[in-house]
Protein backbone atom coordinates (compact mmCIF):
# COMPACT_ATOMS: atom_id res chain seq x y z
CA UNK A 1 0.04 0.02 -0.02
CA UNK A 2 2.91 2.31 0.62
CA UNK A 3 3.82 2.11 -3.07
CA UNK A 4 0.28 3.34 -3.99
CA UNK A 5 0.74 6.27 -1.70
CA UNK A 6 4.11 7.21 -3.24
CA UNK A 7 2.50 7.02 -6.68
CA UNK A 8 -0.37 9.36 -5.68
CA UNK A 9 2.07 11.66 -3.97
CA UNK A 10 4.19 11.80 -7.14
CA UNK A 11 0.97 12.56 -9.21
CA UNK A 12 -0.04 15.67 -7.28
CA UNK A 13 3.59 16.76 -6.85
CA UNK A 14 4.21 16.41 -10.60
CA UNK A 15 1.08 18.46 -11.42
CA UNK A 16 1.93 21.08 -8.81
CA UNK A 17 5.43 21.50 -10.14
CA UNK A 18 4.14 21.75 -13.79
CA UNK A 19 1.85 24.67 -12.69
CA UNK A 20 4.58 26.46 -10.83
CA UNK A 21 6.99 26.11 -13.74
CA UNK A 22 4.46 26.86 -16.55
CA UNK A 23 5.60 29.72 -18.73
CA UNK A 24 2.86 29.67 -21.26
CA UNK A 25 0.10 32.03 -19.86
CA UNK A 26 -2.58 30.25 -21.95
CA UNK A 27 -1.75 26.92 -20.28
CA UNK A 28 -1.18 28.23 -16.77
CA UNK A 29 -4.82 28.32 -15.54
CA UNK A 30 -5.45 24.72 -16.68
CA UNK A 31 -2.25 23.57 -14.95
CA UNK A 32 -3.35 25.28 -11.79
CA UNK A 33 -6.69 23.67 -11.93
CA UNK A 34 -5.22 20.12 -12.48
CA UNK A 35 -2.79 20.56 -9.60
CA UNK A 36 -5.41 21.85 -7.28
CA UNK A 37 -7.78 18.95 -8.05
CA UNK A 38 -5.02 16.45 -7.47
CA UNK A 39 -4.13 18.09 -4.15
CA UNK A 40 -7.72 18.12 -2.92
CA UNK A 41 -8.05 14.44 -3.90
CA UNK A 42 -4.94 13.61 -1.91
CA UNK A 43 -6.04 15.57 1.06
CA UNK A 44 -9.31 13.64 1.11
CA UNK A 45 -7.28 10.48 1.07
CA UNK A 46 -5.00 11.49 3.94
CA UNK A 47 -7.93 12.11 6.25
CA UNK A 48 -5.74 14.11 8.75
CA UNK A 49 -2.71 11.86 8.75
CA UNK A 50 -0.21 12.60 11.49
CA UNK A 51 2.93 12.73 9.24
CA UNK A 52 2.79 16.35 8.17
CA UNK A 53 1.67 15.58 4.57
CA UNK A 54 -1.58 17.55 4.87
CA UNK A 55 0.44 20.65 5.94
CA UNK A 56 2.56 20.26 2.76
CA UNK A 57 -0.55 20.00 0.63
CA UNK A 58 -2.06 23.19 2.31
CA UNK A 59 1.18 25.07 1.50
CA UNK A 60 1.01 23.85 -2.04
CA UNK A 61 -2.62 25.00 -2.32
CA UNK A 62 -1.71 28.43 -1.03
CA UNK A 63 1.03 28.76 -3.56
CA UNK A 64 -1.27 27.69 -6.37
CA UNK A 65 -3.87 30.31 -5.16
CA UNK A 66 -1.23 33.02 -5.25
CA UNK A 67 0.09 31.89 -8.61
CA UNK A 68 -3.49 32.05 -9.92
CA UNK A 69 -3.89 35.61 -8.71
CA UNK A 70 -0.63 36.61 -10.45
CA UNK A 71 -1.75 34.81 -13.64
CA UNK A 72 -5.14 36.65 -13.65
CA UNK A 73 -3.39 40.01 -12.94
CA UNK A 74 -0.93 39.41 -15.74
CA UNK A 75 -3.74 38.52 -18.20
CA UNK A 76 -5.55 41.79 -17.50
CA UNK A 77 -2.44 43.94 -17.84
CA UNK A 78 -1.70 42.29 -21.27
CA UNK A 79 -5.05 43.23 -22.77
């Protein structure tokens, strides 16, 4: 079962990193959405685990929220 957990962890982490590193403004919102959905799914699976993983996920969600705000702001200034 630990292997499945590592695979799920890698999935949300990969999507999160893709969003943070995305340079194409047209793709950024989609990447943020995919990462957010994967993180939320992982948080539901954790169900308040004691190992600090939920805190890492919350930090990632906060970073994605901030990135989304910047993406929305950049899109308005380019129009």
